[in-house]
Amino acid sequence: MQGHVLDAAIGTELDTGGDGRALIRALGALAARTGMRELSVRCLAHAGRSGDGAALESARLMAWEIDNPALADLVARTSV
């Protein structure tokens, strides 16, 4: 639940002009600690949206390994 709340909070912060860095770090740490690969991809996509092109590329590569069409759509429509 905490990961999904962080995911939504990051999206809101980015939508309203914030950089989301602190929340992105928190989501990345949670995803790594718990092994939640989908949240790792979402974290990397947010980092890409905030300007990190390498993170976005990593998100796209990781998303291929996860059978979730919504996740594939997310990384496909995310841009730096």
N, C-alpha and C. Protein backbone atom coordinates (compact mmCIF):
# COMPACT_ATOMS: atom_id res chain seq x y z
N MET A 1 0.82 -1.18 0.00
CA MET A 1 0.00 0.00 0.00
C MET A 1 0.88 1.26 0.00
N GLN A 2 1.92 1.25 0.83
CA GLN A 2 2.79 2.42 0.92
C GLN A 2 3.41 2.75 -0.43
N GLY A 3 3.79 1.74 -1.18
CA GLY A 3 4.39 1.97 -2.49
C GLY A 3 3.42 2.64 -3.46
N HIS A 4 2.18 2.21 -3.43
CA HIS A 4 1.19 2.81 -4.33
C HIS A 4 0.86 4.24 -3.93
N VAL A 5 0.88 4.51 -2.63
CA VAL A 5 0.67 5.88 -2.16
C VAL A 5 1.82 6.77 -2.62
N LEU A 6 3.05 6.28 -2.46
CA LEU A 6 4.21 7.04 -2.93
C LEU A 6 4.15 7.27 -4.44
N ASP A 7 3.78 6.24 -5.18
CA ASP A 7 3.65 6.34 -6.63
C ASP A 7 2.68 7.46 -7.01
N ALA A 8 1.52 7.49 -6.36
CA ALA A 8 0.52 8.52 -6.65
C ALA A 8 1.01 9.89 -6.22
N ALA A 9 1.68 9.97 -5.06
CA ALA A 9 2.18 11.26 -4.57
C ALA A 9 3.24 11.83 -5.51
N ILE A 10 4.09 10.97 -6.04
CA ILE A 10 5.12 11.42 -6.98
C ILE A 10 4.45 11.98 -8.23
N GLY A 11 3.48 11.26 -8.76
CA GLY A 11 2.77 11.74 -9.95
C GLY A 11 2.14 13.08 -9.71
N THR A 12 1.52 13.26 -8.56
CA THR A 12 0.89 14.55 -8.24
C THR A 12 1.93 15.65 -8.12
N GLU A 13 3.04 15.35 -7.45
CA GLU A 13 4.09 16.36 -7.30
C GLU A 13 4.66 16.77 -8.66
N LEU A 14 4.91 15.80 -9.52
CA LEU A 14 5.43 16.12 -10.85
C LEU A 14 4.41 16.89 -11.68
N ASP A 15 3.14 16.53 -11.55
CA ASP A 15 2.08 17.22 -12.28
C ASP A 15 1.95 18.69 -11.87
N THR A 16 2.30 18.98 -10.62
CA THR A 16 2.15 20.35 -10.11
C THR A 16 3.45 21.14 -10.13
N GLY A 17 4.45 20.62 -10.83
CA GLY A 17 5.69 21.37 -11.03
C GLY A 17 6.81 21.06 -10.06
N GLY A 18 6.59 20.16 -9.12
CA GLY A 18 7.67 19.77 -8.20
C GLY A 18 8.63 18.81 -8.87
N ASP A 19 9.77 18.57 -8.21
CA ASP A 19 10.74 17.65 -8.82
C ASP A 19 10.58 16.22 -8.31
N GLY A 20 9.94 16.01 -7.18
CA GLY A 20 9.65 14.68 -6.69
C GLY A 20 10.83 13.87 -6.22
N ARG A 21 12.01 14.48 -6.13
CA ARG A 21 13.23 13.72 -5.83
C ARG A 21 13.16 12.93 -4.53
N ALA A 22 12.70 13.57 -3.47
CA ALA A 22 12.67 12.88 -2.18
C ALA A 22 11.71 11.70 -2.22
N LEU A 23 10.56 11.90 -2.84
CA LEU A 23 9.58 10.81 -2.93
C LEU A 23 10.07 9.70 -3.86
N ILE A 24 10.75 10.08 -4.94
CA ILE A 24 11.31 9.08 -5.86
C ILE A 24 12.34 8.22 -5.13
N ARG A 25 13.19 8.86 -4.33
CA ARG A 25 14.18 8.10 -3.55
C ARG A 25 13.49 7.16 -2.57
N ALA A 26 12.43 7.64 -1.91
CA ALA A 26 11.70 6.80 -0.95
C ALA A 26 11.07 5.60 -1.64
N LEU A 27 10.46 5.82 -2.80
CA LEU A 27 9.85 4.71 -3.54
C LEU A 27 10.91 3.73 -4.02
N GLY A 28 12.03 4.25 -4.50
CA GLY A 28 13.11 3.37 -4.96
C GLY A 28 13.65 2.51 -3.84
N ALA A 29 13.81 3.09 -2.66
CA ALA A 29 14.32 2.32 -1.51
C ALA A 29 13.31 1.25 -1.10
N LEU A 30 12.04 1.61 -1.05
CA LEU A 30 11.00 0.65 -0.69
C LEU A 30 10.94 -0.50 -1.70
N ALA A 31 10.96 -0.16 -2.97
CA ALA A 31 10.89 -1.19 -4.01
C ALA A 31 12.09 -2.12 -3.95
N ALA A 32 13.27 -1.57 -3.72
CA ALA A 32 14.47 -2.40 -3.63
C ALA A 32 14.44 -3.29 -2.40
N ARG A 33 14.00 -2.73 -1.29
CA ARG A 33 13.97 -3.47 -0.02
C ARG A 33 12.97 -4.62 -0.05
N THR A 34 11.87 -4.43 -0.76
CA THR A 34 10.81 -5.43 -0.78
C THR A 34 10.81 -6.30 -2.03
N GLY A 35 11.64 -5.97 -3.02
CA GLY A 35 11.71 -6.76 -4.24
C GLY A 35 10.52 -6.56 -5.16
N MET A 36 9.85 -5.43 -5.04
CA MET A 36 8.69 -5.14 -5.88
C MET A 36 9.15 -4.53 -7.21
N ARG A 37 9.31 -5.40 -8.20
CA ARG A 37 9.87 -4.96 -9.48
C ARG A 37 8.96 -3.96 -10.19
N GLU A 38 7.65 -4.14 -10.10
CA GLU A 38 6.75 -3.20 -10.76
C GLU A 38 6.90 -1.80 -10.17
N LEU A 39 7.04 -1.71 -8.86
CA LEU A 39 7.25 -0.40 -8.25
C LEU A 39 8.62 0.16 -8.61
N SER A 40 9.60 -0.72 -8.81
CA SER A 40 10.91 -0.25 -9.28
C SER A 40 10.78 0.40 -10.65
N VAL A 41 10.00 -0.23 -11.53
CA VAL A 41 9.78 0.34 -12.86
C VAL A 41 9.06 1.67 -12.76
N ARG A 42 8.04 1.75 -11.93
CA ARG A 42 7.30 3.00 -11.76
C ARG A 42 8.22 4.10 -11.21
N CYS A 43 9.07 3.73 -10.27
CA CYS A 43 10.03 4.69 -9.72
C CYS A 43 10.97 5.21 -10.81
N LEU A 44 11.50 4.31 -11.61
CA LEU A 44 12.39 4.72 -12.70
C LEU A 44 11.66 5.57 -13.74
N ALA A 45 10.40 5.25 -14.00
CA ALA A 45 9.62 6.06 -14.95
C ALA A 45 9.43 7.47 -14.40
N HIS A 46 9.16 7.58 -13.11
CA HIS A 46 9.03 8.91 -12.49
C HIS A 46 10.35 9.67 -12.58
N ALA A 47 11.45 8.98 -12.32
CA ALA A 47 12.76 9.62 -12.41
C ALA A 47 13.01 10.09 -13.85
N GLY A 48 12.59 9.28 -14.81
CA GLY A 48 12.72 9.68 -16.21
C GLY A 48 11.87 10.89 -16.51
N ARG A 49 10.68 10.90 -16.01
CA ARG A 49 9.78 12.05 -16.22
C ARG A 49 10.37 13.32 -15.61
N SER A 50 11.14 13.18 -14.55
CA SER A 50 11.75 14.35 -13.93
C SER A 50 13.08 14.72 -14.56
N GLY A 51 13.45 14.03 -15.66
CA GLY A 51 14.62 14.44 -16.42
C GLY A 51 15.75 13.44 -16.55
N ASP A 52 15.66 12.30 -15.92
CA ASP A 52 16.73 11.29 -15.95
C ASP A 52 16.46 10.30 -17.09
N GLY A 53 17.04 10.57 -18.25
CA GLY A 53 16.82 9.73 -19.42
C GLY A 53 17.30 8.31 -19.24
N ALA A 54 18.40 8.11 -18.51
CA ALA A 54 18.91 6.76 -18.28
C ALA A 54 17.94 5.95 -17.43
N ALA A 55 17.31 6.61 -16.45
CA ALA A 55 16.33 5.91 -15.60
C ALA A 55 15.13 5.48 -16.44
N LEU A 56 14.70 6.33 -17.34
CA LEU A 56 13.57 5.99 -18.20
C LEU A 56 13.90 4.80 -19.10
N GLU A 57 15.09 4.78 -19.63
CA GLU A 57 15.50 3.64 -20.46
C GLU A 57 15.54 2.35 -19.64
N SER A 58 16.03 2.44 -18.42
CA SER A 58 16.03 1.27 -17.53
C SER A 58 14.60 0.81 -17.24
N ALA A 59 13.70 1.75 -17.02
CA ALA A 59 12.29 1.41 -16.78
C ALA A 59 11.71 0.66 -17.96
N ARG A 60 12.02 1.11 -19.16
CA ARG A 60 11.49 0.45 -20.36
C ARG A 60 12.03 -0.96 -20.50
N LEU A 61 13.30 -1.14 -20.21
CA LEU A 61 13.90 -2.48 -20.29
C LEU A 61 13.31 -3.41 -19.23
N MET A 62 13.15 -2.92 -18.01
CA MET A 62 12.60 -3.76 -16.94
C MET A 62 11.13 -4.10 -17.19
N ALA A 63 10.40 -3.18 -17.78
CA ALA A 63 8.96 -3.39 -18.00
C ALA A 63 8.71 -4.56 -18.95
N TRP A 64 9.65 -4.81 -19.86
CA TRP A 64 9.48 -5.94 -20.80
C TRP A 64 9.41 -7.27 -20.08
N GLU A 65 10.04 -7.35 -18.90
CA GLU A 65 10.09 -8.61 -18.14
C GLU A 65 8.87 -8.82 -17.25
N ILE A 66 7.99 -7.84 -17.18
CA ILE A 66 6.83 -7.90 -16.29
C ILE A 66 5.57 -7.95 -17.15
N ASP A 67 4.74 -8.94 -16.92
CA ASP A 67 3.52 -9.12 -17.71
C ASP A 67 2.40 -8.22 -17.15
N ASN A 68 2.46 -6.94 -17.54
CA ASN A 68 1.45 -5.98 -17.10
C ASN A 68 1.28 -4.95 -18.20
N PRO A 69 0.22 -5.03 -18.99
CA PRO A 69 0.02 -4.08 -20.09
C PRO A 69 -0.04 -2.63 -19.62
N ALA A 70 -0.59 -2.38 -18.44
CA ALA A 70 -0.67 -1.00 -17.94
C ALA A 70 0.72 -0.44 -17.68
N LEU A 71 1.62 -1.28 -17.19
CA LEU A 71 3.00 -0.85 -16.94
C LEU A 71 3.72 -0.58 -18.26
N ALA A 72 3.52 -1.46 -19.23
CA ALA A 72 4.12 -1.25 -20.55
C ALA A 72 3.62 0.05 -21.17
N ASP A 73 2.34 0.33 -21.01
CA ASP A 73 1.76 1.59 -21.52
C ASP A 73 2.36 2.79 -20.81
N LEU A 74 2.52 2.69 -19.49
CA LEU A 74 3.11 3.78 -18.72
C LEU A 74 4.48 4.16 -19.23
N VAL A 75 5.36 3.19 -19.39
CA VAL A 75 6.72 3.53 -19.82
C VAL A 75 6.76 3.94 -21.29
N ALA A 76 5.83 3.46 -22.08
CA ALA A 76 5.80 3.85 -23.50
C ALA A 76 5.39 5.31 -23.66
N ARG A 77 4.49 5.79 -22.79
CA ARG A 77 4.03 7.18 -22.95
C ARG A 77 4.77 8.18 -22.09
N THR A 78 5.72 7.71 -21.29
CA THR A 78 6.52 8.60 -20.46
C THR A 78 7.66 9.18 -21.29
N SER A 79 7.89 10.46 -21.13
CA SER A 79 8.99 11.10 -21.84
C SER A 79 9.78 11.96 -20.86
N VAL A 80 11.03 12.23 -21.24
CA VAL A 80 11.93 13.04 -20.41
C VAL A 80 11.60 14.49 -20.62
